[in-house]
Amino acid sequence: MTERFVVALLGSPFGLTGRVKIESLSGEKNHLLELQKVTLRKEGLEKEYIVEEVFAFPLSFKLKGINTPEAAKTLRSAEILFSRDHAAPLNEGEFYIEDLRGLDVIAESNIVGIISDVIEGGGGFLAEVLLGSGEKKLVPFRNEFFGKIDLVAGTAELVNVWILE
Protein backbone atom coordinates (compact mmCIF):
# COMPACT_ATOMS: atom_id res chain seq x y z
CA MET A 1 0.00 0.00 0.00
CA THR A 2 1.07 3.53 -0.71
CA GLU A 3 2.46 5.36 2.31
CA ARG A 4 2.16 8.90 0.88
CA PHE A 5 -0.52 10.20 -1.38
CA VAL A 6 -2.23 13.33 -2.66
CA VAL A 7 -5.02 14.59 -0.39
CA ALA A 8 -5.61 18.07 -1.79
CA LEU A 9 -4.71 20.49 -4.54
CA LEU A 10 -3.81 24.14 -4.24
CA GLY A 11 -5.99 26.63 -5.99
CA SER A 12 -5.85 30.35 -6.58
CA PRO A 13 -4.43 33.00 -4.27
CA PHE A 14 -6.82 34.55 -1.77
CA GLY A 15 -6.25 38.06 -0.50
CA LEU A 16 -3.08 40.11 -0.54
CA THR A 17 -0.91 38.28 2.01
CA GLY A 18 -0.08 35.11 0.04
CA ARG A 19 -2.95 32.89 1.21
CA VAL A 20 -3.69 29.94 -1.08
CA LYS A 21 -7.03 28.16 -1.45
CA ILE A 22 -7.08 24.40 -0.83
CA GLU A 23 -9.29 21.89 -2.65
CA SER A 24 -9.70 18.70 -0.62
CA LEU A 25 -9.90 15.66 -2.88
CA SER A 26 -11.86 13.64 -0.33
CA GLY A 27 -14.34 16.33 0.64
CA GLU A 28 -13.04 16.08 4.20
CA LYS A 29 -11.35 19.15 5.61
CA ASN A 30 -10.93 18.68 9.35
CA HIS A 31 -7.55 16.99 8.94
CA LEU A 32 -6.42 19.94 6.80
CA LEU A 33 -7.37 22.52 9.45
CA GLU A 34 -4.67 21.24 11.79
CA LEU A 35 -1.73 21.46 9.39
CA GLN A 36 1.56 22.73 10.76
CA LYS A 37 3.73 21.84 7.78
CA VAL A 38 3.05 20.44 4.34
CA THR A 39 4.89 18.78 1.52
CA LEU A 40 3.88 20.18 -1.85
CA ARG A 41 4.58 18.53 -5.20
CA LYS A 42 4.44 20.40 -8.47
CA GLU A 43 5.84 19.30 -11.80
CA GLY A 44 7.63 16.40 -10.10
CA LEU A 45 9.44 18.57 -7.54
CA GLU A 46 8.66 18.37 -3.83
CA LYS A 47 9.17 21.07 -1.21
CA GLU A 48 8.21 21.28 2.45
CA TYR A 49 6.61 24.44 3.85
CA ILE A 50 5.72 25.60 7.35
CA VAL A 51 2.04 26.51 7.67
CA GLU A 52 1.66 29.84 9.45
CA GLU A 53 -2.14 29.86 9.55
CA VAL A 54 -5.09 27.79 8.28
CA PHE A 55 -8.50 29.28 7.46
CA ALA A 56 -11.74 27.30 7.34
CA PHE A 57 -13.60 29.61 4.94
CA PRO A 58 -12.60 29.58 2.29
CA LEU A 59 -10.40 26.58 3.04
CA SER A 60 -6.96 28.10 2.62
CA PHE A 61 -3.63 28.57 4.33
CA LYS A 62 -0.74 30.96 4.64
CA LEU A 63 2.69 29.40 4.11
CA LYS A 64 5.91 30.79 5.50
CA GLY A 65 7.82 32.60 2.76
CA ILE A 66 4.77 33.03 0.50
CA ASN A 67 3.81 36.65 1.14
CA THR A 68 2.23 37.97 -2.05
CA PRO A 69 -0.55 36.90 -4.42
CA GLU A 70 2.10 36.55 -7.13
CA ALA A 71 4.10 34.09 -5.01
CA ALA A 72 0.91 32.21 -4.10
CA LYS A 73 -0.04 31.95 -7.77
CA THR A 74 3.14 29.95 -8.50
CA LEU A 75 1.79 27.20 -6.20
CA ARG A 76 -1.49 26.81 -8.10
CA SER A 77 -2.25 23.14 -8.90
CA ALA A 78 0.46 21.88 -6.53
CA GLU A 79 -0.45 18.64 -4.78
CA ILE A 80 -0.48 18.34 -0.99
CA LEU A 81 1.13 15.04 0.01
CA PHE A 82 0.21 13.32 3.27
CA SER A 83 1.51 10.24 4.96
CA ARG A 84 -1.14 7.60 5.61
CA ASP A 85 -1.25 8.33 9.36
CA HIS A 86 -2.24 11.98 8.74
CA ALA A 87 -4.92 11.31 6.13
CA ALA A 88 -8.66 11.47 6.72
CA PRO A 89 -9.93 8.26 8.30
CA LEU A 90 -11.84 5.82 6.11
CA ASN A 91 -15.23 4.30 6.75
CA GLU A 92 -15.94 0.65 6.04
CA GLY A 93 -15.91 -0.05 2.30
CA GLU A 94 -13.91 3.11 1.49
CA PHE A 95 -10.46 3.15 -0.05
CA TYR A 96 -7.77 5.70 -0.74
CA ILE A 97 -7.51 6.18 -4.50
CA GLU A 98 -3.75 5.74 -4.36
CA ASP A 99 -4.26 2.24 -2.95
CA LEU A 100 -6.53 1.29 -5.86
CA ARG A 101 -4.11 2.33 -8.58
CA GLY A 102 -2.17 -0.66 -9.85
CA LEU A 103 -4.56 -3.33 -8.58
CA ASP A 104 -4.97 -6.31 -10.89
CA VAL A 105 -8.53 -6.53 -12.20
CA ILE A 106 -9.76 -10.12 -12.07
CA ALA A 107 -12.73 -11.36 -14.11
CA GLU A 108 -13.78 -15.02 -14.16
CA SER A 109 -10.49 -16.01 -12.42
CA ASN A 110 -8.34 -14.27 -15.06
CA ILE A 111 -6.38 -11.03 -14.85
CA VAL A 112 -7.92 -8.79 -17.51
CA GLY A 113 -6.12 -5.54 -16.72
CA ILE A 114 -5.12 -3.13 -13.99
CA ILE A 115 -6.74 -0.11 -12.39
CA SER A 116 -4.64 2.72 -13.81
CA ASP A 117 -6.61 5.54 -12.19
CA VAL A 118 -9.82 6.45 -10.40
CA ILE A 119 -11.60 9.60 -11.49
CA GLU A 120 -14.69 11.39 -10.29
CA GLY A 121 -17.56 11.28 -12.74
CA GLY A 122 -20.93 12.97 -12.51
CA GLY A 123 -22.59 10.01 -10.79
CA GLY A 124 -19.69 8.78 -8.70
CA PHE A 125 -16.19 7.42 -9.11
CA LEU A 126 -14.98 5.57 -12.20
CA ALA A 127 -12.13 3.08 -12.28
CA GLU A 128 -10.00 3.44 -15.37
CA VAL A 129 -9.08 -0.13 -16.31
CA LEU A 130 -6.09 -0.60 -18.60
CA LEU A 131 -6.73 -3.85 -20.48
CA GLY A 132 -4.02 -6.19 -21.70
CA SER A 133 -4.69 -4.94 -25.26
CA GLY A 134 -3.71 -1.41 -24.19
CA GLU A 135 -7.30 -0.19 -24.42
CA LYS A 136 -8.73 1.75 -21.47
CA LYS A 137 -12.27 1.27 -20.16
CA LEU A 138 -14.11 3.27 -17.51
CA VAL A 139 -16.01 1.15 -15.01
CA PRO A 140 -18.22 2.59 -12.28
CA PHE A 141 -16.48 1.92 -8.97
CA ARG A 142 -19.58 0.49 -7.33
CA ASN A 143 -20.51 -2.83 -5.75
CA GLU A 144 -22.57 -3.82 -8.80
CA PHE A 145 -19.37 -3.92 -10.86
CA PHE A 146 -16.57 -4.59 -8.40
CA GLY A 147 -16.88 -7.35 -5.84
CA LYS A 148 -14.06 -8.03 -3.44
CA ILE A 149 -11.22 -5.50 -3.25
CA ASP A 150 -8.16 -7.14 -1.69
CA LEU A 151 -5.41 -4.61 -1.09
CA VAL A 152 -3.09 -7.23 0.41
CA ALA A 153 -3.39 -9.50 -2.65
CA GLY A 154 -3.45 -6.47 -4.96
CA THR A 155 -6.67 -7.47 -6.71
CA ALA A 156 -10.07 -6.04 -7.59
CA GLU A 157 -12.70 -8.57 -8.63
CA LEU A 158 -14.90 -7.47 -11.54
CA VAL A 159 -18.32 -9.11 -11.23
CA ASN A 160 -19.98 -7.71 -14.37
CA VAL A 161 -17.58 -8.58 -17.17
CA TRP A 162 -19.87 -7.28 -19.89
CA ILE A 163 -18.86 -3.71 -18.96
CA LEU A 164 -15.48 -4.28 -20.62
CA GLU A 165 -17.01 -5.19 -23.99
C-alpha atoms as a PDB file:
ATOM      1  CA  MET A   1       0.000   0.000   0.000  1.00  0.00           C
ATOM      2  CA  THR A   2       1.066   3.528  -0.706  1.00  0.00           C
ATOM      3  CA  GLU A   3       2.455   5.365   2.311  1.00  0.00           C
ATOM      4  CA  ARG A   4       2.164   8.903   0.880  1.00  0.00           C
ATOM      5  CA  PHE A   5      -0.522  10.201  -1.377  1.00  0.00           C
ATOM      6  CA  VAL A   6      -2.231  13.333  -2.658  1.00  0.00           C
ATOM      7  CA  VAL A   7      -5.024  14.589  -0.386  1.00  0.00           C
ATOM      8  CA  ALA A   8      -5.613  18.066  -1.785  1.00  0.00           C
ATOM      9  CA  LEU A   9      -4.707  20.495  -4.544  1.00  0.00           C
ATOM     10  CA  LEU A  10      -3.807  24.143  -4.241  1.00  0.00           C
ATOM     11  CA  GLY A  11      -5.994  26.634  -5.994  1.00  0.00           C
ATOM     12  CA  SER A  12      -5.855  30.346  -6.583  1.00  0.00           C
ATOM     13  CA  PRO A  13      -4.430  33.002  -4.273  1.00  0.00           C
ATOM     14  CA  PHE A  14      -6.823  34.546  -1.772  1.00  0.00           C
ATOM     15  CA  GLY A  15      -6.248  38.057  -0.496  1.00  0.00           C
ATOM     16  CA  LEU A  16      -3.078  40.111  -0.540  1.00  0.00           C
ATOM     17  CA  THR A  17      -0.907  38.284   2.012  1.00  0.00           C
ATOM     18  CA  GLY A  18      -0.084  35.105   0.043  1.00  0.00           C
ATOM     19  CA  ARG A  19      -2.946  32.886   1.211  1.00  0.00           C
ATOM     20  CA  VAL A  20      -3.689  29.940  -1.078  1.00  0.00           C
ATOM     21  CA  LYS A  21      -7.034  28.159  -1.447  1.00  0.00           C
ATOM     22  CA  ILE A  22      -7.079  24.397  -0.827  1.00  0.00           C
ATOM     23  CA  GLU A  23      -9.294  21.893  -2.647  1.00  0.00           C
ATOM     24  CA  SER A  24      -9.699  18.697  -0.618  1.00  0.00           C
ATOM     25  CA  LEU A  25      -9.898  15.663  -2.881  1.00  0.00           C
ATOM     26  CA  SER A  26     -11.860  13.644  -0.329  1.00  0.00           C
ATOM     27  CA  GLY A  27     -14.343  16.326   0.635  1.00  0.00           C
ATOM     28  CA  GLU A  28     -13.035  16.080   4.205  1.00  0.00           C
ATOM     29  CA  LYS A  29     -11.348  19.147   5.609  1.00  0.00           C
ATOM     30  CA  ASN A  30     -10.933  18.684   9.353  1.00  0.00           C
ATOM     31  CA  HIS A  31      -7.546  16.993   8.945  1.00  0.00           C
ATOM     32  CA  LEU A  32      -6.421  19.938   6.799  1.00  0.00           C
ATOM     33  CA  LEU A  33      -7.370  22.516   9.448  1.00  0.00           C
ATOM     34  CA  GLU A  34      -4.669  21.237  11.785  1.00  0.00           C
ATOM     35  CA  LEU A  35      -1.726  21.455   9.386  1.00  0.00           C
ATOM     36  CA  GLN A  36       1.561  22.725  10.763  1.00  0.00           C
ATOM     37  CA  LYS A  37       3.734  21.838   7.777  1.00  0.00           C
ATOM     38  CA  VAL A  38       3.049  20.437   4.341  1.00  0.00           C
ATOM     39  CA  THR A  39       4.887  18.781   1.522  1.00  0.00           C
ATOM     40  CA  LEU A  40       3.876  20.183  -1.853  1.00  0.00           C
ATOM     41  CA  ARG A  41       4.582  18.529  -5.197  1.00  0.00           C
ATOM     42  CA  LYS A  42       4.436  20.402  -8.472  1.00  0.00           C
ATOM     43  CA  GLU A  43       5.842  19.298 -11.798  1.00  0.00           C
ATOM     44  CA  GLY A  44       7.634  16.399 -10.097  1.00  0.00           C
ATOM     45  CA  LEU A  45       9.444  18.568  -7.543  1.00  0.00           C
ATOM     46  CA  GLU A  46       8.664  18.368  -3.827  1.00  0.00           C
ATOM     47  CA  LYS A  47       9.169  21.068  -1.212  1.00  0.00           C
ATOM     48  CA  GLU A  48       8.209  21.280   2.448  1.00  0.00           C
ATOM     49  CA  TYR A  49       6.607  24.436   3.852  1.00  0.00           C
ATOM     50  CA  ILE A  50       5.724  25.599   7.351  1.00  0.00           C
ATOM     51  CA  VAL A  51       2.041  26.512   7.667  1.00  0.00           C
ATOM     52  CA  GLU A  52       1.662  29.841   9.447  1.00  0.00           C
ATOM     53  CA  GLU A  53      -2.141  29.857   9.552  1.00  0.00           C
ATOM     54  CA  VAL A  54      -5.090  27.787   8.284  1.00  0.00           C
ATOM     55  CA  PHE A  55      -8.499  29.278   7.460  1.00  0.00           C
ATOM     56  CA  ALA A  56     -11.738  27.300   7.339  1.00  0.00           C
ATOM     57  CA  PHE A  57     -13.601  29.610   4.944  1.00  0.00           C
ATOM     58  CA  PRO A  58     -12.598  29.577   2.288  1.00  0.00           C
ATOM     59  CA  LEU A  59     -10.404  26.582   3.042  1.00  0.00           C
ATOM     60  CA  SER A  60      -6.959  28.100   2.622  1.00  0.00           C
ATOM     61  CA  PHE A  61      -3.632  28.575   4.332  1.00  0.00           C
ATOM     62  CA  LYS A  62      -0.740  30.965   4.644  1.00  0.00           C
ATOM     63  CA  LEU A  63       2.689  29.398   4.105  1.00  0.00           C
ATOM     64  CA  LYS A  64       5.914  30.786   5.505  1.00  0.00           C
ATOM     65  CA  GLY A  65       7.818  32.605   2.761  1.00  0.00           C
ATOM     66  CA  ILE A  66       4.773  33.025   0.499  1.00  0.00           C
ATOM     67  CA  ASN A  67       3.814  36.652   1.137  1.00  0.00           C
ATOM     68  CA  THR A  68       2.228  37.966  -2.049  1.00  0.00           C
ATOM     69  CA  PRO A  69      -0.548  36.902  -4.422  1.00  0.00           C
ATOM     70  CA  GLU A  70       2.095  36.547  -7.134  1.00  0.00           C
ATOM     71  CA  ALA A  71       4.101  34.090  -5.013  1.00  0.00           C
ATOM     72  CA  ALA A  72       0.914  32.211  -4.097  1.00  0.00           C
ATOM     73  CA  LYS A  73      -0.035  31.950  -7.773  1.00  0.00           C
ATOM     74  CA  THR A  74       3.145  29.955  -8.495  1.00  0.00           C
ATOM     75  CA  LEU A  75       1.787  27.198  -6.202  1.00  0.00           C
ATOM     76  CA  ARG A  76      -1.489  26.810  -8.102  1.00  0.00           C
ATOM     77  CA  SER A  77      -2.245  23.143  -8.897  1.00  0.00           C
ATOM     78  CA  ALA A  78       0.460  21.881  -6.528  1.00  0.00           C
ATOM     79  CA  GLU A  79      -0.446  18.639  -4.777  1.00  0.00           C
ATOM     80  CA  ILE A  80      -0.476  18.340  -0.989  1.00  0.00           C
ATOM     81  CA  LEU A  81       1.126  15.039   0.008  1.00  0.00           C
ATOM     82  CA  PHE A  82       0.209  13.321   3.270  1.00  0.00           C
ATOM     83  CA  SER A  83       1.507  10.243   4.959  1.00  0.00           C
ATOM     84  CA  ARG A  84      -1.138   7.604   5.611  1.00  0.00           C
ATOM     85  CA  ASP A  85      -1.246   8.332   9.357  1.00  0.00           C
ATOM     86  CA  HIS A  86      -2.244  11.982   8.736  1.00  0.00           C
ATOM     87  CA  ALA A  87      -4.921  11.312   6.127  1.00  0.00           C
ATOM     88  CA  ALA A  88      -8.659  11.469   6.715  1.00  0.00           C
ATOM     89  CA  PRO A  89      -9.935   8.258   8.302  1.00  0.00           C
ATOM     90  CA  LEU A  90     -11.838   5.818   6.113  1.00  0.00           C
ATOM     91  CA  ASN A  91     -15.232   4.300   6.753  1.00  0.00           C
ATOM     92  CA  GLU A  92     -15.936   0.646   6.042  1.00  0.00           C
ATOM     93  CA  GLY A  93     -15.910  -0.046   2.298  1.00  0.00           C
ATOM     94  CA  GLU A  94     -13.915   3.112   1.493  1.00  0.00           C
ATOM     95  CA  PHE A  95     -10.456   3.154  -0.055  1.00  0.00           C
ATOM     96  CA  TYR A  96      -7.770   5.701  -0.742  1.00  0.00           C
ATOM     97  CA  ILE A  97      -7.508   6.180  -4.503  1.00  0.00           C
ATOM     98  CA  GLU A  98      -3.750   5.741  -4.361  1.00  0.00           C
ATOM     99  CA  ASP A  99      -4.264   2.236  -2.951  1.00  0.00           C
ATOM    100  CA  LEU A 100      -6.533   1.287  -5.856  1.00  0.00           C
ATOM    101  CA  ARG A 101      -4.106   2.330  -8.583  1.00  0.00           C
ATOM    102  CA  GLY A 102      -2.169  -0.659  -9.850  1.00  0.00           C
ATOM    103  CA  LEU A 103      -4.564  -3.332  -8.576  1.00  0.00           C
ATOM    104  CA  ASP A 104      -4.970  -6.313 -10.893  1.00  0.00           C
ATOM    105  CA  VAL A 105      -8.533  -6.535 -12.203  1.00  0.00           C
ATOM    106  CA  ILE A 106      -9.761 -10.120 -12.071  1.00  0.00           C
ATOM    107  CA  ALA A 107     -12.727 -11.360 -14.107  1.00  0.00           C
ATOM    108  CA  GLU A 108     -13.780 -15.017 -14.157  1.00  0.00           C
ATOM    109  CA  SER A 109     -10.493 -16.009 -12.420  1.00  0.00           C
ATOM    110  CA  ASN A 110      -8.336 -14.269 -15.056  1.00  0.00           C
ATOM    111  CA  ILE A 111      -6.377 -11.031 -14.855  1.00  0.00           C
ATOM    112  CA  VAL A 112      -7.919  -8.795 -17.510  1.00  0.00           C
ATOM    113  CA  GLY A 113      -6.124  -5.545 -16.716  1.00  0.00           C
ATOM    114  CA  ILE A 114      -5.119  -3.130 -13.987  1.00  0.00           C
ATOM    115  CA  ILE A 115      -6.739  -0.107 -12.394  1.00  0.00           C
ATOM    116  CA  SER A 116      -4.641   2.721 -13.812  1.00  0.00           C
ATOM    117  CA  ASP A 117      -6.608   5.541 -12.194  1.00  0.00           C
ATOM    118  CA  VAL A 118      -9.820   6.451 -10.402  1.00  0.00           C
ATOM    119  CA  ILE A 119     -11.602   9.599 -11.493  1.00  0.00           C
ATOM    120  CA  GLU A 120     -14.687  11.390 -10.292  1.00  0.00           C
ATOM    121  CA  GLY A 121     -17.563  11.278 -12.735  1.00  0.00           C
ATOM    122  CA  GLY A 122     -20.926  12.970 -12.508  1.00  0.00           C
ATOM    123  CA  GLY A 123     -22.590  10.013 -10.791  1.00  0.00           C
ATOM    124  CA  GLY A 124     -19.686   8.777  -8.705  1.00  0.00           C
ATOM    125  CA  PHE A 125     -16.195   7.416  -9.108  1.00  0.00           C
ATOM    126  CA  LEU A 126     -14.984   5.570 -12.197  1.00  0.00           C
ATOM    127  CA  ALA A 127     -12.127   3.079 -12.277  1.00  0.00           C
ATOM    128  CA  GLU A 128     -10.000   3.438 -15.375  1.00  0.00           C
ATOM    129  CA  VAL A 129      -9.079  -0.126 -16.312  1.00  0.00           C
ATOM    130  CA  LEU A 130      -6.089  -0.605 -18.599  1.00  0.00           C
ATOM    131  CA  LEU A 131      -6.729  -3.847 -20.480  1.00  0.00           C
ATOM    132  CA  GLY A 132      -4.022  -6.194 -21.705  1.00  0.00           C
ATOM    133  CA  SER A 133      -4.689  -4.939 -25.258  1.00  0.00           C
ATOM    134  CA  GLY A 134      -3.714  -1.408 -24.186  1.00  0.00           C
ATOM    135  CA  GLU A 135      -7.304  -0.193 -24.423  1.00  0.00           C
ATOM    136  CA  LYS A 136      -8.734   1.754 -21.466  1.00  0.00           C
ATOM    137  CA  LYS A 137     -12.272   1.267 -20.160  1.00  0.00           C
ATOM    138  CA  LEU A 138     -14.105   3.274 -17.510  1.00  0.00           C
ATOM    139  CA  VAL A 139     -16.010   1.147 -15.011  1.00  0.00           C
ATOM    140  CA  PRO A 140     -18.221   2.585 -12.276  1.00  0.00           C
ATOM    141  CA  PHE A 141     -16.483   1.922  -8.966  1.00  0.00           C
ATOM    142  CA  ARG A 142     -19.579   0.493  -7.327  1.00  0.00           C
ATOM    143  CA  ASN A 143     -20.515  -2.829  -5.747  1.00  0.00           C
ATOM    144  CA  GLU A 144     -22.566  -3.824  -8.798  1.00  0.00           C
ATOM    145  CA  PHE A 145     -19.367  -3.921 -10.862  1.00  0.00           C
ATOM    146  CA  PHE A 146     -16.568  -4.588  -8.397  1.00  0.00           C
ATOM    147  CA  GLY A 147     -16.876  -7.345  -5.839  1.00  0.00           C
ATOM    148  CA  LYS A 148     -14.060  -8.029  -3.438  1.00  0.00           C
ATOM    149  CA  ILE A 149     -11.224  -5.501  -3.253  1.00  0.00           C
ATOM    150  CA  ASP A 150      -8.164  -7.141  -1.691  1.00  0.00           C
ATOM    151  CA  LEU A 151      -5.405  -4.609  -1.090  1.00  0.00           C
ATOM    152  CA  VAL A 152      -3.090  -7.235   0.409  1.00  0.00           C
ATOM    153  CA  ALA A 153      -3.393  -9.502  -2.648  1.00  0.00           C
ATOM    154  CA  GLY A 154      -3.448  -6.473  -4.957  1.00  0.00           C
ATOM    155  CA  THR A 155      -6.670  -7.467  -6.709  1.00  0.00           C
ATOM    156  CA  ALA A 156     -10.075  -6.045  -7.593  1.00  0.00           C
ATOM    157  CA  GLU A 157     -12.701  -8.568  -8.630  1.00  0.00           C
ATOM    158  CA  LEU A 158     -14.895  -7.470 -11.544  1.00  0.00           C
ATOM    159  CA  VAL A 159     -18.319  -9.109 -11.227  1.00  0.00           C
ATOM    160  CA  ASN A 160     -19.977  -7.713 -14.365  1.00  0.00           C
ATOM    161  CA  VAL A 161     -17.575  -8.582 -17.170  1.00  0.00           C
ATOM    162  CA  TRP A 162     -19.872  -7.275 -19.894  1.00  0.00           C
ATOM    163  CA  ILE A 163     -18.862  -3.713 -18.960  1.00  0.00           C
ATOM    164  CA  LEU A 164     -15.477  -4.283 -20.620  1.00  0.00           C
ATOM    165  CA  GLU A 165     -17.011  -5.190 -23.991  1.00  0.00           C
END
